[in-house]
N, C-alpha and C. Protein backbone atom coordinates (compact mmCIF):
# COMPACT_ATOMS: atom_id res chain seq x y z
N MET A 1 -4.70 22.93 -41.28
CA MET A 1 -3.83 21.78 -41.19
C MET A 1 -2.94 21.89 -39.95
N LYS A 2 -2.47 23.11 -39.65
CA LYS A 2 -1.63 23.30 -38.47
C LYS A 2 -2.42 23.01 -37.19
N ILE A 3 -3.68 23.35 -37.20
CA ILE A 3 -4.52 23.13 -36.02
C ILE A 3 -4.68 21.63 -35.76
N ILE A 4 -4.88 20.85 -36.81
CA ILE A 4 -5.02 19.40 -36.66
C ILE A 4 -3.73 18.80 -36.12
N ALA A 5 -2.59 19.26 -36.65
CA ALA A 5 -1.29 18.78 -36.16
C ALA A 5 -1.09 19.16 -34.70
N LEU A 6 -1.49 20.37 -34.31
CA LEU A 6 -1.36 20.82 -32.93
C LEU A 6 -2.24 19.99 -31.99
N ILE A 7 -3.47 19.75 -32.38
CA ILE A 7 -4.39 18.97 -31.55
C ILE A 7 -3.88 17.54 -31.41
N THR A 8 -3.40 16.97 -32.49
CA THR A 8 -2.86 15.61 -32.45
C THR A 8 -1.65 15.54 -31.53
N SER A 9 -0.77 16.52 -31.63
CA SER A 9 0.42 16.56 -30.78
C SER A 9 0.03 16.67 -29.30
N LEU A 10 -0.91 17.54 -29.00
CA LEU A 10 -1.37 17.70 -27.63
C LEU A 10 -2.00 16.42 -27.09
N LEU A 11 -2.74 15.75 -27.94
CA LEU A 11 -3.38 14.51 -27.53
C LEU A 11 -2.33 13.47 -27.16
N PHE A 12 -1.29 13.32 -27.96
CA PHE A 12 -0.23 12.36 -27.66
C PHE A 12 0.53 12.74 -26.40
N VAL A 13 0.79 14.02 -26.20
CA VAL A 13 1.50 14.47 -25.00
C VAL A 13 0.67 14.19 -23.76
N CYS A 14 -0.61 14.50 -23.80
CA CYS A 14 -1.49 14.26 -22.65
C CYS A 14 -1.61 12.78 -22.33
N MET A 15 -1.72 11.96 -23.35
CA MET A 15 -1.83 10.52 -23.13
C MET A 15 -0.51 9.97 -22.58
N GLY A 16 0.60 10.52 -23.01
CA GLY A 16 1.90 10.09 -22.52
C GLY A 16 2.08 10.43 -21.06
N CYS A 17 1.59 11.58 -20.61
CA CYS A 17 1.69 11.97 -19.20
C CYS A 17 0.85 11.05 -18.33
N ASN A 18 -0.31 10.70 -18.77
CA ASN A 18 -1.17 9.83 -17.98
C ASN A 18 -0.60 8.43 -17.85
N SER A 19 0.08 7.95 -18.86
CA SER A 19 0.59 6.58 -18.81
C SER A 19 1.83 6.47 -17.93
N SER A 20 2.43 7.58 -17.51
CA SER A 20 3.63 7.51 -16.69
C SER A 20 3.32 7.28 -15.22
N LYS A 21 2.07 7.35 -14.81
CA LYS A 21 1.71 7.10 -13.42
C LYS A 21 1.90 5.61 -13.13
N SER A 22 2.51 5.33 -11.99
CA SER A 22 2.80 3.94 -11.64
C SER A 22 1.58 3.25 -11.06
N THR A 23 1.25 2.14 -11.66
CA THR A 23 0.22 1.26 -11.11
C THR A 23 0.74 -0.15 -11.24
N LEU A 24 0.21 -1.03 -10.44
CA LEU A 24 0.63 -2.41 -10.46
C LEU A 24 -0.09 -3.16 -11.56
N LYS A 25 0.66 -3.80 -12.41
CA LYS A 25 0.07 -4.62 -13.46
C LYS A 25 0.05 -6.06 -12.99
N PRO A 26 -1.00 -6.78 -13.30
CA PRO A 26 -1.10 -8.16 -12.81
C PRO A 26 -0.22 -9.14 -13.56
N THR A 27 1.09 -9.03 -13.36
CA THR A 27 2.02 -9.97 -13.98
C THR A 27 2.76 -10.72 -12.88
N THR A 28 3.28 -11.86 -13.22
CA THR A 28 4.01 -12.66 -12.25
C THR A 28 5.24 -11.92 -11.75
N GLN A 29 5.90 -11.19 -12.62
CA GLN A 29 7.11 -10.47 -12.24
C GLN A 29 6.81 -9.49 -11.10
N ASN A 30 5.71 -8.74 -11.21
CA ASN A 30 5.37 -7.79 -10.17
C ASN A 30 5.01 -8.48 -8.86
N HIS A 31 4.40 -9.63 -8.93
CA HIS A 31 4.04 -10.36 -7.71
C HIS A 31 5.29 -10.74 -6.94
N GLU A 32 6.35 -11.08 -7.64
CA GLU A 32 7.58 -11.50 -6.98
C GLU A 32 8.30 -10.34 -6.32
N THR A 33 8.16 -9.14 -6.84
CA THR A 33 8.88 -7.99 -6.28
C THR A 33 8.03 -7.14 -5.35
N LEU A 34 6.76 -7.42 -5.26
CA LEU A 34 5.85 -6.63 -4.44
C LEU A 34 6.02 -6.92 -2.95
N VAL A 35 6.21 -5.85 -2.16
CA VAL A 35 6.26 -5.95 -0.71
C VAL A 35 5.39 -4.83 -0.16
N ILE A 36 4.44 -5.19 0.70
CA ILE A 36 3.58 -4.21 1.35
C ILE A 36 3.83 -4.31 2.85
N GLU A 37 4.17 -3.18 3.47
CA GLU A 37 4.41 -3.14 4.91
C GLU A 37 3.41 -2.18 5.54
N TYR A 38 2.73 -2.68 6.57
CA TYR A 38 1.79 -1.86 7.32
C TYR A 38 2.25 -1.86 8.78
N VAL A 39 2.47 -0.67 9.32
CA VAL A 39 2.94 -0.55 10.70
C VAL A 39 1.96 0.34 11.45
N ALA A 40 1.57 -0.13 12.64
CA ALA A 40 0.73 0.66 13.54
C ALA A 40 1.38 0.60 14.92
N ASN A 41 1.54 1.78 15.56
CA ASN A 41 2.17 1.77 16.88
C ASN A 41 1.77 2.96 17.73
N THR A 42 1.88 2.75 19.04
CA THR A 42 1.76 3.81 20.05
C THR A 42 2.88 3.54 21.05
N ARG A 43 2.82 4.19 22.18
CA ARG A 43 3.86 3.94 23.20
C ARG A 43 3.82 2.49 23.69
N GLY A 44 2.64 1.91 23.82
CA GLY A 44 2.54 0.57 24.37
C GLY A 44 2.10 -0.50 23.38
N PHE A 45 2.04 -0.17 22.12
CA PHE A 45 1.53 -1.10 21.11
C PHE A 45 2.38 -1.00 19.85
N TYR A 46 2.67 -2.14 19.24
CA TYR A 46 3.40 -2.16 17.97
C TYR A 46 2.94 -3.37 17.17
N GLN A 47 2.63 -3.15 15.92
CA GLN A 47 2.30 -4.25 15.01
C GLN A 47 2.84 -3.92 13.63
N LYS A 48 3.53 -4.88 13.07
CA LYS A 48 4.05 -4.73 11.71
C LYS A 48 3.60 -5.94 10.91
N LEU A 49 2.90 -5.66 9.81
CA LEU A 49 2.46 -6.70 8.89
C LEU A 49 3.21 -6.52 7.58
N VAL A 50 3.77 -7.59 7.07
CA VAL A 50 4.50 -7.54 5.80
C VAL A 50 3.89 -8.59 4.87
N VAL A 51 3.42 -8.13 3.71
CA VAL A 51 2.82 -9.02 2.72
C VAL A 51 3.77 -9.09 1.53
N GLN A 52 4.15 -10.33 1.17
CA GLN A 52 4.99 -10.51 -0.01
C GLN A 52 4.94 -11.96 -0.45
N ASN A 53 4.98 -12.16 -1.74
CA ASN A 53 5.09 -13.48 -2.35
C ASN A 53 4.13 -14.51 -1.75
N HIS A 54 2.86 -14.17 -1.70
CA HIS A 54 1.79 -15.05 -1.20
C HIS A 54 1.92 -15.40 0.28
N THR A 55 2.61 -14.54 1.07
CA THR A 55 2.68 -14.75 2.52
C THR A 55 2.44 -13.43 3.23
N VAL A 56 2.05 -13.54 4.50
CA VAL A 56 1.92 -12.36 5.35
C VAL A 56 2.61 -12.71 6.66
N SER A 57 3.44 -11.79 7.14
CA SER A 57 4.11 -12.00 8.42
C SER A 57 3.70 -10.89 9.38
N SER A 58 3.70 -11.24 10.66
CA SER A 58 3.29 -10.29 11.69
C SER A 58 4.27 -10.35 12.84
N THR A 59 4.60 -9.18 13.37
CA THR A 59 5.45 -9.12 14.55
C THR A 59 4.98 -7.98 15.45
N ASN A 60 5.18 -8.16 16.73
CA ASN A 60 4.88 -7.13 17.72
C ASN A 60 6.16 -6.62 18.35
N ASP A 61 7.31 -7.01 17.80
CA ASP A 61 8.61 -6.64 18.32
C ASP A 61 9.17 -5.44 17.57
N ARG A 62 9.27 -4.31 18.22
CA ARG A 62 9.80 -3.09 17.59
C ARG A 62 11.24 -3.25 17.11
N ASN A 63 12.02 -4.04 17.83
CA ASN A 63 13.44 -4.16 17.54
C ASN A 63 13.75 -5.19 16.45
N GLY A 64 12.76 -5.97 16.06
CA GLY A 64 12.96 -6.95 15.00
C GLY A 64 13.79 -8.14 15.42
N GLN A 65 13.89 -8.42 16.72
CA GLN A 65 14.70 -9.53 17.20
C GLN A 65 13.92 -10.84 17.26
N GLU A 66 12.61 -10.75 17.41
CA GLU A 66 11.79 -11.96 17.44
C GLU A 66 11.47 -12.41 16.01
N THR A 67 11.31 -13.70 15.83
CA THR A 67 10.93 -14.22 14.53
C THR A 67 9.45 -13.93 14.29
N PRO A 68 9.11 -13.29 13.18
CA PRO A 68 7.70 -12.99 12.92
C PRO A 68 6.90 -14.25 12.61
N ALA A 69 5.62 -14.20 12.93
CA ALA A 69 4.71 -15.29 12.57
C ALA A 69 4.36 -15.14 11.10
N ILE A 70 4.47 -16.23 10.34
CA ILE A 70 4.24 -16.18 8.89
C ILE A 70 3.08 -17.10 8.53
N GLN A 71 2.21 -16.60 7.67
CA GLN A 71 1.08 -17.39 7.18
C GLN A 71 1.00 -17.26 5.67
N LYS A 72 0.49 -18.31 5.03
CA LYS A 72 0.27 -18.29 3.58
C LYS A 72 -0.97 -17.47 3.27
N VAL A 73 -0.97 -16.85 2.10
CA VAL A 73 -2.13 -16.10 1.60
C VAL A 73 -2.71 -16.90 0.45
N SER A 74 -4.01 -17.15 0.50
CA SER A 74 -4.65 -17.94 -0.56
C SER A 74 -4.59 -17.17 -1.88
N ASP A 75 -4.72 -17.91 -2.97
CA ASP A 75 -4.69 -17.28 -4.30
C ASP A 75 -5.83 -16.28 -4.45
N ASP A 76 -7.01 -16.61 -3.93
CA ASP A 76 -8.15 -15.69 -4.02
C ASP A 76 -7.88 -14.39 -3.27
N ASP A 77 -7.35 -14.50 -2.05
CA ASP A 77 -7.04 -13.31 -1.26
C ASP A 77 -5.94 -12.49 -1.93
N TRP A 78 -4.93 -13.18 -2.45
CA TRP A 78 -3.82 -12.49 -3.12
C TRP A 78 -4.33 -11.73 -4.35
N ASN A 79 -5.15 -12.38 -5.16
CA ASN A 79 -5.69 -11.73 -6.35
C ASN A 79 -6.59 -10.55 -6.00
N PHE A 80 -7.35 -10.67 -4.91
CA PHE A 80 -8.19 -9.56 -4.45
C PHE A 80 -7.32 -8.38 -4.02
N LEU A 81 -6.23 -8.66 -3.31
CA LEU A 81 -5.30 -7.60 -2.91
C LEU A 81 -4.70 -6.91 -4.13
N ILE A 82 -4.26 -7.69 -5.11
CA ILE A 82 -3.67 -7.13 -6.33
C ILE A 82 -4.70 -6.29 -7.08
N THR A 83 -5.93 -6.76 -7.14
CA THR A 83 -7.00 -6.01 -7.82
C THR A 83 -7.21 -4.65 -7.16
N GLU A 84 -7.26 -4.63 -5.84
CA GLU A 84 -7.45 -3.36 -5.12
C GLU A 84 -6.22 -2.47 -5.23
N LEU A 85 -5.04 -3.08 -5.24
CA LEU A 85 -3.80 -2.30 -5.37
C LEU A 85 -3.70 -1.67 -6.75
N ASN A 86 -4.26 -2.33 -7.77
CA ASN A 86 -4.27 -1.78 -9.12
C ASN A 86 -5.05 -0.47 -9.20
N LYS A 87 -5.97 -0.26 -8.28
CA LYS A 87 -6.78 0.96 -8.27
C LYS A 87 -6.05 2.14 -7.65
N VAL A 88 -4.91 1.89 -7.02
CA VAL A 88 -4.14 2.94 -6.36
C VAL A 88 -3.09 3.49 -7.32
N VAL A 89 -3.02 4.79 -7.43
CA VAL A 89 -1.96 5.44 -8.22
C VAL A 89 -0.76 5.57 -7.29
N LEU A 90 0.24 4.73 -7.49
CA LEU A 90 1.35 4.63 -6.56
C LEU A 90 2.13 5.93 -6.41
N ASP A 91 2.27 6.69 -7.48
CA ASP A 91 3.00 7.95 -7.41
C ASP A 91 2.34 8.97 -6.49
N GLU A 92 1.04 8.80 -6.22
CA GLU A 92 0.32 9.73 -5.36
C GLU A 92 0.32 9.31 -3.90
N VAL A 93 0.78 8.11 -3.59
CA VAL A 93 0.74 7.59 -2.22
C VAL A 93 1.46 8.50 -1.22
N PRO A 94 2.65 9.03 -1.51
CA PRO A 94 3.31 9.90 -0.53
C PRO A 94 2.56 11.21 -0.25
N ASN A 95 1.65 11.60 -1.11
CA ASN A 95 0.95 12.86 -0.94
C ASN A 95 -0.45 12.72 -0.36
N LEU A 96 -0.86 11.51 0.01
CA LEU A 96 -2.20 11.30 0.53
C LEU A 96 -2.35 11.97 1.90
N LYS A 97 -3.52 12.56 2.12
CA LYS A 97 -3.78 13.27 3.37
C LYS A 97 -4.61 12.39 4.29
N ALA A 98 -4.21 12.35 5.55
CA ALA A 98 -4.93 11.56 6.55
C ALA A 98 -6.29 12.21 6.82
N PRO A 99 -7.37 11.42 6.86
CA PRO A 99 -8.70 11.99 7.06
C PRO A 99 -8.98 12.42 8.50
N THR A 100 -8.25 11.86 9.47
CA THR A 100 -8.46 12.22 10.88
C THR A 100 -7.12 12.49 11.54
N GLU A 101 -7.17 13.04 12.75
CA GLU A 101 -5.94 13.38 13.47
C GLU A 101 -5.98 12.89 14.91
N LYS A 102 -6.58 11.75 15.15
CA LYS A 102 -6.69 11.20 16.50
C LYS A 102 -5.33 10.81 17.07
N ARG A 103 -4.36 10.50 16.20
CA ARG A 103 -3.04 10.10 16.66
C ARG A 103 -2.32 11.22 17.39
N PHE A 104 -2.75 12.47 17.19
CA PHE A 104 -2.10 13.61 17.83
C PHE A 104 -2.39 13.68 19.32
N TYR A 105 -3.47 13.05 19.78
CA TYR A 105 -3.79 13.08 21.21
C TYR A 105 -4.01 11.67 21.76
N ASP A 106 -3.30 10.70 21.22
CA ASP A 106 -3.38 9.30 21.64
C ASP A 106 -4.76 8.70 21.47
N GLY A 107 -5.54 9.21 20.53
CA GLY A 107 -6.86 8.66 20.25
C GLY A 107 -6.80 7.49 19.28
N ALA A 108 -5.67 7.30 18.64
CA ALA A 108 -5.49 6.18 17.70
C ALA A 108 -3.99 5.94 17.56
N ALA A 109 -3.66 4.71 17.19
CA ALA A 109 -2.26 4.38 16.93
C ALA A 109 -1.82 5.09 15.64
N ILE A 110 -0.54 5.36 15.56
CA ILE A 110 0.04 5.97 14.36
C ILE A 110 0.31 4.85 13.36
N ALA A 111 -0.17 5.00 12.15
CA ALA A 111 -0.02 3.96 11.14
C ALA A 111 0.64 4.52 9.88
N SER A 112 1.25 3.62 9.12
CA SER A 112 1.81 3.99 7.82
C SER A 112 1.79 2.76 6.92
N LEU A 113 1.78 3.01 5.63
CA LEU A 113 1.79 1.95 4.63
C LEU A 113 2.94 2.21 3.68
N LYS A 114 3.71 1.15 3.42
CA LYS A 114 4.84 1.27 2.49
C LYS A 114 4.70 0.17 1.45
N ILE A 115 4.73 0.57 0.18
CA ILE A 115 4.62 -0.36 -0.93
C ILE A 115 5.93 -0.30 -1.71
N THR A 116 6.59 -1.45 -1.84
CA THR A 116 7.83 -1.52 -2.60
C THR A 116 7.58 -2.40 -3.81
N LEU A 117 7.88 -1.86 -4.97
CA LEU A 117 7.63 -2.57 -6.22
C LEU A 117 8.77 -2.30 -7.18
N GLU A 118 9.41 -3.38 -7.62
CA GLU A 118 10.52 -3.30 -8.59
C GLU A 118 11.56 -2.27 -8.18
N GLY A 119 11.94 -2.28 -6.90
CA GLY A 119 12.99 -1.41 -6.40
C GLY A 119 12.57 -0.01 -6.05
N LYS A 120 11.34 0.37 -6.30
CA LYS A 120 10.86 1.71 -5.97
C LYS A 120 9.89 1.62 -4.79
N THR A 121 10.05 2.54 -3.85
CA THR A 121 9.24 2.53 -2.63
C THR A 121 8.29 3.71 -2.62
N TYR A 122 7.03 3.43 -2.25
CA TYR A 122 5.99 4.44 -2.12
C TYR A 122 5.48 4.36 -0.69
N GLU A 123 5.69 5.42 0.09
CA GLU A 123 5.33 5.39 1.50
C GLU A 123 4.40 6.54 1.86
N THR A 124 3.37 6.22 2.63
CA THR A 124 2.42 7.25 3.05
C THR A 124 3.00 8.07 4.18
N LYS A 125 2.42 9.23 4.38
CA LYS A 125 2.66 9.97 5.61
C LYS A 125 1.86 9.26 6.69
N ASP A 126 2.17 9.55 7.96
CA ASP A 126 1.45 8.91 9.05
C ASP A 126 -0.04 9.23 9.00
N PHE A 127 -0.85 8.23 9.40
CA PHE A 127 -2.29 8.41 9.51
C PHE A 127 -2.77 7.61 10.71
N ASP A 128 -4.04 7.76 11.08
CA ASP A 128 -4.60 7.05 12.22
C ASP A 128 -4.89 5.60 11.86
N ASP A 129 -4.46 4.68 12.74
CA ASP A 129 -4.78 3.27 12.54
C ASP A 129 -6.29 3.10 12.55
N GLY A 130 -6.81 2.47 11.52
CA GLY A 130 -8.26 2.30 11.39
C GLY A 130 -8.92 3.38 10.56
N PHE A 131 -8.18 4.44 10.23
CA PHE A 131 -8.72 5.55 9.45
C PHE A 131 -7.72 5.98 8.37
N PRO A 132 -7.43 5.09 7.41
CA PRO A 132 -6.47 5.44 6.36
C PRO A 132 -7.09 6.40 5.34
N PRO A 133 -6.25 7.03 4.53
CA PRO A 133 -6.79 7.83 3.43
C PRO A 133 -7.68 6.97 2.53
N ALA A 134 -8.72 7.56 2.00
CA ALA A 134 -9.72 6.81 1.21
C ALA A 134 -9.09 6.08 0.02
N GLU A 135 -8.06 6.65 -0.58
CA GLU A 135 -7.45 6.06 -1.77
C GLU A 135 -6.80 4.70 -1.49
N ILE A 136 -6.37 4.47 -0.23
CA ILE A 136 -5.70 3.22 0.10
C ILE A 136 -6.49 2.40 1.14
N GLN A 137 -7.69 2.82 1.45
CA GLN A 137 -8.47 2.19 2.52
C GLN A 137 -8.66 0.69 2.29
N LYS A 138 -9.06 0.29 1.10
CA LYS A 138 -9.30 -1.13 0.80
C LYS A 138 -8.02 -1.95 0.96
N VAL A 139 -6.90 -1.42 0.48
CA VAL A 139 -5.63 -2.13 0.58
C VAL A 139 -5.26 -2.34 2.05
N VAL A 140 -5.40 -1.29 2.85
CA VAL A 140 -5.09 -1.39 4.28
C VAL A 140 -6.01 -2.41 4.96
N GLU A 141 -7.28 -2.38 4.65
CA GLU A 141 -8.23 -3.34 5.24
C GLU A 141 -7.86 -4.77 4.87
N ILE A 142 -7.51 -5.00 3.61
CA ILE A 142 -7.15 -6.35 3.17
C ILE A 142 -5.89 -6.83 3.87
N VAL A 143 -4.88 -5.97 3.94
CA VAL A 143 -3.63 -6.34 4.60
C VAL A 143 -3.90 -6.72 6.05
N ASN A 144 -4.73 -5.97 6.74
CA ASN A 144 -5.06 -6.27 8.14
C ASN A 144 -5.86 -7.55 8.27
N LEU A 145 -6.68 -7.89 7.30
CA LEU A 145 -7.49 -9.10 7.37
C LEU A 145 -6.71 -10.36 6.96
N LEU A 146 -5.63 -10.19 6.21
CA LEU A 146 -4.88 -11.35 5.73
C LEU A 146 -4.26 -12.15 6.86
N PHE A 147 -3.78 -11.47 7.89
CA PHE A 147 -3.16 -12.20 9.01
C PHE A 147 -4.23 -12.60 9.99
N LYS A 148 -4.40 -13.88 10.15
CA LYS A 148 -5.41 -14.41 11.07
C LYS A 148 -4.72 -14.82 12.37
N SER A 149 -4.90 -14.00 13.40
CA SER A 149 -4.24 -14.28 14.67
C SER A 149 -4.81 -15.54 15.30
N GLU A 150 -3.96 -16.26 16.01
CA GLU A 150 -4.37 -17.49 16.66
C GLU A 150 -4.76 -17.17 18.10
N ARG A 151 -6.03 -16.95 18.32
CA ARG A 151 -6.49 -16.57 19.66
C ARG A 151 -7.17 -17.71 20.32
């Protein structure tokens, strides 16, 4: 009888630990508080993309003095982003390892991703632009594709 009680207790403890990992749930409340910032820069290049509340803004101004270009995000694109973001364990984002190190010798721009949700911020360590950690690769690709530059 003690063994059954012990196994049951362990099962509840293990399930409780797994449920404490932060993931984005597809609710309207989370959509309103979600902000994703992607920054890529080198000495001569700077790009900041900010996705929030069905919009994406882009700026090339490091100082933030210019007004960013803002575009609407379609419902399909927004839902696809949320679906891919749901696959990311947010608590692990600060510990992700960059797969390449080209940024160390100017082979790639230095990039970072910051996700803010309900007042809590999850930020990656620097990685190479175009070569994000596998766990966030889809999210980074979607964020970069959302802003359609007017060329």
